[in-house]
PDB file of all heavy atoms in Angstrom:
ATOM      1  N   ALA A   1      55.128 -15.676 -61.139  1.00  0.00           N
ATOM      2  CA  ALA A   1      54.477 -15.614 -62.449  1.00  0.00           C
ATOM      3  C   ALA A   1      53.539 -16.792 -62.614  1.00  0.00           C
ATOM      4  O   ALA A   1      53.852 -17.924 -62.230  1.00  0.00           O
ATOM      5  CB  ALA A   1      55.521 -15.615 -63.560  1.00  0.00           C
ATOM      6  N   VAL A   2      52.366 -16.521 -63.158  1.00  0.00           N
ATOM      7  CA  VAL A   2      51.369 -17.557 -63.409  1.00  0.00           C
ATOM      8  C   VAL A   2      51.508 -17.998 -64.863  1.00  0.00           C
ATOM      9  O   VAL A   2      51.506 -17.176 -65.773  1.00  0.00           O
ATOM     10  CB  VAL A   2      49.946 -17.027 -63.159  1.00  0.00           C
ATOM     11  CG1 VAL A   2      48.909 -18.101 -63.475  1.00  0.00           C
ATOM     12  CG2 VAL A   2      49.805 -16.563 -61.714  1.00  0.00           C
ATOM     13  N   HIS A   3      51.670 -19.297 -65.056  1.00  0.00           N
ATOM     14  CA  HIS A   3      51.902 -19.805 -66.403  1.00  0.00           C
ATOM     15  C   HIS A   3      50.575 -19.982 -67.150  1.00  0.00           C
ATOM     16  O   HIS A   3      50.114 -21.082 -67.436  1.00  0.00           O
ATOM     17  CB  HIS A   3      52.665 -21.123 -66.352  1.00  0.00           C
ATOM     18  CG  HIS A   3      54.025 -20.988 -65.755  1.00  0.00           C
ATOM     19  ND1 HIS A   3      55.062 -20.328 -66.389  1.00  0.00           N
ATOM     20  CD2 HIS A   3      54.519 -21.390 -64.554  1.00  0.00           C
ATOM     21  CE1 HIS A   3      56.140 -20.341 -65.627  1.00  0.00           C
ATOM     22  NE2 HIS A   3      55.833 -20.980 -64.504  1.00  0.00           N
ATOM     23  N   SER A   4      49.961 -18.860 -67.415  1.00  0.00           N
ATOM     24  CA  SER A   4      48.741 -18.847 -68.224  1.00  0.00           C
ATOM     25  C   SER A   4      48.770 -17.589 -69.081  1.00  0.00           C
ATOM     26  O   SER A   4      49.394 -16.591 -68.701  1.00  0.00           O
ATOM     27  CB  SER A   4      47.488 -18.855 -67.342  1.00  0.00           C
ATOM     28  OG  SER A   4      47.436 -17.704 -66.533  1.00  0.00           O
ATOM     29  N   ARG A   5      48.117 -17.647 -70.207  1.00  0.00           N
ATOM     30  CA  ARG A   5      48.153 -16.520 -71.133  1.00  0.00           C
ATOM     31  C   ARG A   5      47.446 -15.308 -70.544  1.00  0.00           C
ATOM     32  O   ARG A   5      46.302 -15.388 -70.097  1.00  0.00           O
ATOM     33  CB  ARG A   5      47.505 -16.912 -72.462  1.00  0.00           C
ATOM     34  CG  ARG A   5      47.581 -15.816 -73.535  1.00  0.00           C
ATOM     35  CD  ARG A   5      47.024 -16.325 -74.842  1.00  0.00           C
ATOM     36  NE  ARG A   5      47.835 -17.398 -75.368  1.00  0.00           N
ATOM     37  CZ  ARG A   5      48.925 -17.216 -76.107  1.00  0.00           C
ATOM     38  NH1 ARG A   5      49.338 -15.966 -76.349  1.00  0.00           N
ATOM     39  NH2 ARG A   5      49.610 -18.232 -76.564  1.00  0.00           N
ATOM     40  N   ALA A   6      48.138 -14.179 -70.550  1.00  0.00           N
ATOM     41  CA  ALA A   6      47.553 -12.940 -70.032  1.00  0.00           C
ATOM     42  C   ALA A   6      46.560 -12.378 -71.034  1.00  0.00           C
ATOM     43  O   ALA A   6      46.670 -12.595 -72.247  1.00  0.00           O
ATOM     44  CB  ALA A   6      48.652 -11.921 -69.759  1.00  0.00           C
ATOM     45  N   THR A   7      45.582 -11.653 -70.523  1.00  0.00           N
ATOM     46  CA  THR A   7      44.574 -11.007 -71.365  1.00  0.00           C
ATOM     47  C   THR A   7      45.042  -9.595 -71.700  1.00  0.00           C
ATOM     48  O   THR A   7      45.503  -8.869 -70.822  1.00  0.00           O
ATOM     49  CB  THR A   7      43.219 -10.949 -70.642  1.00  0.00           C
ATOM     50  OG1 THR A   7      42.860 -12.274 -70.243  1.00  0.00           O
ATOM     51  CG2 THR A   7      42.148 -10.371 -71.541  1.00  0.00           C
ATOM     52  N   ALA A   8      44.956  -9.211 -72.980  1.00  0.00           N
ATOM     53  CA  ALA A   8      45.375  -7.876 -73.406  1.00  0.00           C
ATOM     54  C   ALA A   8      44.689  -6.821 -72.546  1.00  0.00           C
ATOM     55  O   ALA A   8      43.518  -6.981 -72.193  1.00  0.00           O
ATOM     56  CB  ALA A   8      45.045  -7.677 -74.880  1.00  0.00           C
ATOM     57  N   PRO A   9      45.399  -5.748 -72.163  1.00  0.00           N
ATOM     58  CA  PRO A   9      46.734  -5.370 -72.645  1.00  0.00           C
ATOM     59  C   PRO A   9      47.885  -5.946 -71.843  1.00  0.00           C
ATOM     60  O   PRO A   9      49.030  -5.560 -72.061  1.00  0.00           O
ATOM     61  CB  PRO A   9      46.700  -3.846 -72.473  1.00  0.00           C
ATOM     62  CG  PRO A   9      45.893  -3.656 -71.225  1.00  0.00           C
ATOM     63  CD  PRO A   9      44.829  -4.713 -71.276  1.00  0.00           C
ATOM     64  N   ALA A  10      47.638  -6.863 -70.915  1.00  0.00           N
ATOM     65  CA  ALA A  10      48.695  -7.381 -70.049  1.00  0.00           C
ATOM     66  C   ALA A  10      49.638  -8.307 -70.819  1.00  0.00           C
ATOM     67  O   ALA A  10      49.241  -9.006 -71.763  1.00  0.00           O
ATOM     68  CB  ALA A  10      48.089  -8.114 -68.864  1.00  0.00           C
ATOM     69  N   ASP A  11      50.904  -8.299 -70.408  1.00  0.00           N
ATOM     70  CA  ASP A  11      51.924  -9.162 -71.001  1.00  0.00           C
ATOM     71  C   ASP A  11      52.171 -10.406 -70.161  1.00  0.00           C
ATOM     72  O   ASP A  11      52.623 -11.423 -70.673  1.00  0.00           O
ATOM     73  CB  ASP A  11      53.251  -8.399 -71.140  1.00  0.00           C
ATOM     74  CG  ASP A  11      53.112  -7.141 -71.968  1.00  0.00           C
ATOM     75  OD1 ASP A  11      52.644  -7.247 -73.106  1.00  0.00           O
ATOM     76  OD2 ASP A  11      53.457  -6.052 -71.464  1.00  0.00           O
ATOM     77  N   GLU A  12      51.891 -10.319 -68.865  1.00  0.00           N
ATOM     78  CA  GLU A  12      52.191 -11.412 -67.953  1.00  0.00           C
ATOM     79  C   GLU A  12      51.233 -11.348 -66.770  1.00  0.00           C
ATOM     80  O   GLU A  12      50.672 -10.294 -66.462  1.00  0.00           O
ATOM     81  CB  GLU A  12      53.644 -11.308 -67.459  1.00  0.00           C
ATOM     82  CG  GLU A  12      54.124 -12.478 -66.623  1.00  0.00           C
ATOM     83  CD  GLU A  12      55.591 -12.357 -66.248  1.00  0.00           C
ATOM     84  OE1 GLU A  12      56.287 -11.493 -66.816  1.00  0.00           O
ATOM     85  OE2 GLU A  12      56.038 -13.129 -65.363  1.00  0.00           O
ATOM     86  N   VAL A  13      51.055 -12.477 -66.094  1.00  0.00           N
ATOM     87  CA  VAL A  13      50.197 -12.564 -64.915  1.00  0.00           C
ATOM     88  C   VAL A  13      51.061 -12.894 -63.704  1.00  0.00           C
ATOM     89  O   VAL A  13      51.890 -13.803 -63.751  1.00  0.00           O
ATOM     90  CB  VAL A  13      49.109 -13.642 -65.078  1.00  0.00           C
ATOM     91  CG1 VAL A  13      48.218 -13.691 -63.838  1.00  0.00           C
ATOM     92  CG2 VAL A  13      48.284 -13.378 -66.332  1.00  0.00           C
ATOM     93  N   ILE A  14      50.872 -12.150 -62.616  1.00  0.00           N
ATOM     94  CA  ILE A  14      51.612 -12.404 -61.378  1.00  0.00           C
ATOM     95  C   ILE A  14      50.636 -12.641 -60.235  1.00  0.00           C
ATOM     96  O   ILE A  14      49.685 -11.882 -60.049  1.00  0.00           O
ATOM     97  CB  ILE A  14      52.541 -11.222 -61.028  1.00  0.00           C
ATOM     98  CG1 ILE A  14      53.700 -11.145 -62.030  1.00  0.00           C
ATOM     99  CG2 ILE A  14      53.082 -11.352 -59.614  1.00  0.00           C
ATOM    100  CD1 ILE A  14      54.661 -10.002 -61.763  1.00  0.00           C
ATOM    101  N   ASP A  15      50.871 -13.705 -59.490  1.00  0.00           N
ATOM    102  CA  ASP A  15      50.127 -13.997 -58.267  1.00  0.00           C
ATOM    103  C   ASP A  15      50.856 -13.284 -57.129  1.00  0.00           C
ATOM    104  O   ASP A  15      51.946 -13.699 -56.720  1.00  0.00           O
ATOM    105  CB  ASP A  15      50.087 -15.505 -58.038  1.00  0.00           C
ATOM    106  CG  ASP A  15      49.156 -15.889 -56.897  1.00  0.00           C
ATOM    107  OD1 ASP A  15      48.525 -14.987 -56.310  1.00  0.00           O
ATOM    108  OD2 ASP A  15      49.071 -17.085 -56.585  1.00  0.00           O
ATOM    109  N   VAL A  16      50.289 -12.213 -56.625  1.00  0.00           N
ATOM    110  CA  VAL A  16      50.965 -11.327 -55.677  1.00  0.00           C
ATOM    111  C   VAL A  16      51.113 -12.000 -54.316  1.00  0.00           C
ATOM    112  O   VAL A  16      50.144 -12.515 -53.750  1.00  0.00           O
ATOM    113  CB  VAL A  16      50.206  -9.997 -55.531  1.00  0.00           C
ATOM    114  CG1 VAL A  16      50.903  -9.084 -54.517  1.00  0.00           C
ATOM    115  CG2 VAL A  16      50.083  -9.300 -56.888  1.00  0.00           C
ATOM    116  N   SER A  17      52.330 -11.954 -53.776  1.00  0.00           N
ATOM    117  CA  SER A  17      52.592 -12.517 -52.443  1.00  0.00           C
ATOM    118  C   SER A  17      52.971 -11.450 -51.428  1.00  0.00           C
ATOM    119  O   SER A  17      52.797 -11.639 -50.220  1.00  0.00           O
ATOM    120  CB  SER A  17      53.710 -13.563 -52.516  1.00  0.00           C
ATOM    121  OG  SER A  17      54.902 -12.992 -53.042  1.00  0.00           O
ATOM    122  N   ALA A  18      53.510 -10.315 -51.884  1.00  0.00           N
ATOM    123  CA  ALA A  18      53.898  -9.225 -50.983  1.00  0.00           C
ATOM    124  C   ALA A  18      53.701  -7.904 -51.698  1.00  0.00           C
ATOM    125  O   ALA A  18      53.948  -7.793 -52.906  1.00  0.00           O
ATOM    126  CB  ALA A  18      55.344  -9.383 -50.534  1.00  0.00           C
ATOM    127  N   LEU A  19      53.250  -6.890 -50.950  1.00  0.00           N
ATOM    128  CA  LEU A  19      52.950  -5.593 -51.547  1.00  0.00           C
ATOM    129  C   LEU A  19      53.300  -4.483 -50.573  1.00  0.00           C
ATOM    130  O   LEU A  19      53.040  -4.600 -49.373  1.00  0.00           O
ATOM    131  CB  LEU A  19      51.474  -5.531 -51.948  1.00  0.00           C
ATOM    132  CG  LEU A  19      50.955  -4.274 -52.637  1.00  0.00           C
ATOM    133  CD1 LEU A  19      49.824  -4.625 -53.601  1.00  0.00           C
ATOM    134  CD2 LEU A  19      50.462  -3.259 -51.609  1.00  0.00           C
ATOM    135  N   LYS A  20      53.884  -3.395 -51.094  1.00  0.00           N
ATOM    136  CA  LYS A  20      54.226  -2.237 -50.284  1.00  0.00           C
ATOM    137  C   LYS A  20      53.751  -0.974 -50.993  1.00  0.00           C
ATOM    138  O   LYS A  20      54.084  -0.746 -52.159  1.00  0.00           O
ATOM    139  CB  LYS A  20      55.737  -2.177 -50.050  1.00  0.00           C
ATOM    140  CG  LYS A  20      56.192  -0.946 -49.248  1.00  0.00           C
ATOM    141  CD  LYS A  20      57.684  -0.989 -48.960  1.00  0.00           C
ATOM    142  CE  LYS A  20      58.497  -0.869 -50.216  1.00  0.00           C
ATOM    143  NZ  LYS A  20      59.965  -0.796 -49.927  1.00  0.00           N
ATOM    144  N   VAL A  21      52.967  -0.157 -50.315  1.00  0.00           N
ATOM    145  CA  VAL A  21      52.523   1.124 -50.876  1.00  0.00           C
ATOM    146  C   VAL A  21      53.664   2.119 -50.749  1.00  0.00           C
ATOM    147  O   VAL A  21      54.266   2.267 -49.685  1.00  0.00           O
ATOM    148  CB  VAL A  21      51.268   1.649 -50.139  1.00  0.00           C
ATOM    149  CG1 VAL A  21      50.866   3.005 -50.685  1.00  0.00           C
ATOM    150  CG2 VAL A  21      50.121   0.651 -50.266  1.00  0.00           C
ATOM    151  N   LEU A  22      53.972   2.819 -51.848  1.00  0.00           N
ATOM    152  CA  LEU A  22      55.076   3.765 -51.868  1.00  0.00           C
ATOM    153  C   LEU A  22      54.598   5.176 -51.557  1.00  0.00           C
ATOM    154  O   LEU A  22      53.435   5.513 -51.762  1.00  0.00           O
ATOM    155  CB  LEU A  22      55.775   3.722 -53.231  1.00  0.00           C
ATOM    156  CG  LEU A  22      56.298   2.340 -53.634  1.00  0.00           C
ATOM    157  CD1 LEU A  22      56.927   2.388 -55.011  1.00  0.00           C
ATOM    158  CD2 LEU A  22      57.300   1.816 -52.613  1.00  0.00           C
ATOM    159  N   ALA A  23      55.523   5.994 -51.096  1.00  0.00           N
ATOM    160  CA  ALA A  23      55.167   7.335 -50.631  1.00  0.00           C
ATOM    161  C   ALA A  23      54.682   8.223 -51.763  1.00  0.00           C
ATOM    162  O   ALA A  23      53.771   9.031 -51.607  1.00  0.00           O
ATOM    163  CB  ALA A  23      56.369   7.977 -49.927  1.00  0.00           C
ATOM    164  N   THR A  24      55.305   8.104 -52.939  1.00  0.00           N
ATOM    165  CA  THR A  24      54.906   8.947 -54.064  1.00  0.00           C
ATOM    166  C   THR A  24      53.656   8.393 -54.718  1.00  0.00           C
ATOM    167  O   THR A  24      53.433   7.183 -54.738  1.00  0.00           O
ATOM    168  CB  THR A  24      56.038   9.036 -55.089  1.00  0.00           C
ATOM    169  OG1 THR A  24      56.471   7.722 -55.421  1.00  0.00           O
ATOM    170  CG2 THR A  24      57.204   9.828 -54.539  1.00  0.00           C
ATOM    171  N   GLY A  25      52.844   9.292 -55.270  1.00  0.00           N
ATOM    172  CA  GLY A  25      51.574   8.874 -55.840  1.00  0.00           C
ATOM    173  C   GLY A  25      51.651   8.578 -57.316  1.00  0.00           C
ATOM    174  O   GLY A  25      52.721   8.483 -57.904  1.00  0.00           O
ATOM    175  N   CYS A  26      50.485   8.434 -57.936  1.00  0.00           N
ATOM    176  CA  CYS A  26      50.384   8.087 -59.340  1.00  0.00           C
ATOM    177  C   CYS A  26      50.177   9.335 -60.189  1.00  0.00           C
ATOM    178  O   CYS A  26      49.444  10.246 -59.801  1.00  0.00           O
ATOM    179  CB  CYS A  26      49.215   7.126 -59.572  1.00  0.00           C
ATOM    180  SG  CYS A  26      49.431   5.542 -58.741  1.00  0.00           S
ATOM    181  N   SER A  27      50.748   9.335 -61.342  1.00  0.00           N
ATOM    182  CA  SER A  27      50.560  10.414 -62.304  1.00  0.00           C
ATOM    183  C   SER A  27      49.674   9.905 -63.420  1.00  0.00           C
ATOM    184  O   SER A  27      49.978   8.898 -64.055  1.00  0.00           O
ATOM    185  CB  SER A  27      51.913  10.865 -62.872  1.00  0.00           C
ATOM    186  OG  SER A  27      51.719  11.685 -64.000  1.00  0.00           O
ATOM    187  N   THR A  28      48.559  10.583 -63.652  1.00  0.00           N
ATOM    188  CA  THR A  28      47.661  10.149 -64.728  1.00  0.00           C
ATOM    189  C   THR A  28      48.336  10.280 -66.075  1.00  0.00           C
ATOM    190  O   THR A  28      48.087   9.499 -66.986  1.00  0.00           O
ATOM    191  CB  THR A  28      46.365  10.983 -64.716  1.00  0.00           C
ATOM    192  OG1 THR A  28      46.702  12.380 -64.752  1.00  0.00           O
ATOM    193  CG2 THR A  28      45.555  10.700 -63.474  1.00  0.00           C
ATOM    194  N   ALA A  29      49.215  11.269 -66.228  1.00  0.00           N
ATOM    195  CA  ALA A  29      49.923  11.437 -67.496  1.00  0.00           C
ATOM    196  C   ALA A  29      50.867  10.273 -67.740  1.00  0.00           C
ATOM    197  O   ALA A  29      50.961   9.735 -68.834  1.00  0.00           O
ATOM    198  CB  ALA A  29      50.700  12.758 -67.496  1.00  0.00           C
ATOM    199  N   ALA A  30      51.570   9.869 -66.665  1.00  0.00           N
ATOM    200  CA  ALA A  30      52.489   8.738 -66.800  1.00  0.00           C
ATOM    201  C   ALA A  30      51.740   7.464 -67.101  1.00  0.00           C
ATOM    202  O   ALA A  30      52.158   6.642 -67.907  1.00  0.00           O
ATOM    203  CB  ALA A  30      53.310   8.577 -65.517  1.00  0.00           C
TER     204      ALA A  30
END
C-alpha cells in the first residue's frame, strides 16, 4: 500500500509487485 491519498473513485493505492492473469474473464455487468 502506498501511503498517499487515492484519487476518486479509488479508496487505496497499491504499488504492484506480483501479478497473475486468471483463467476467467471480465464481466462488463459486474
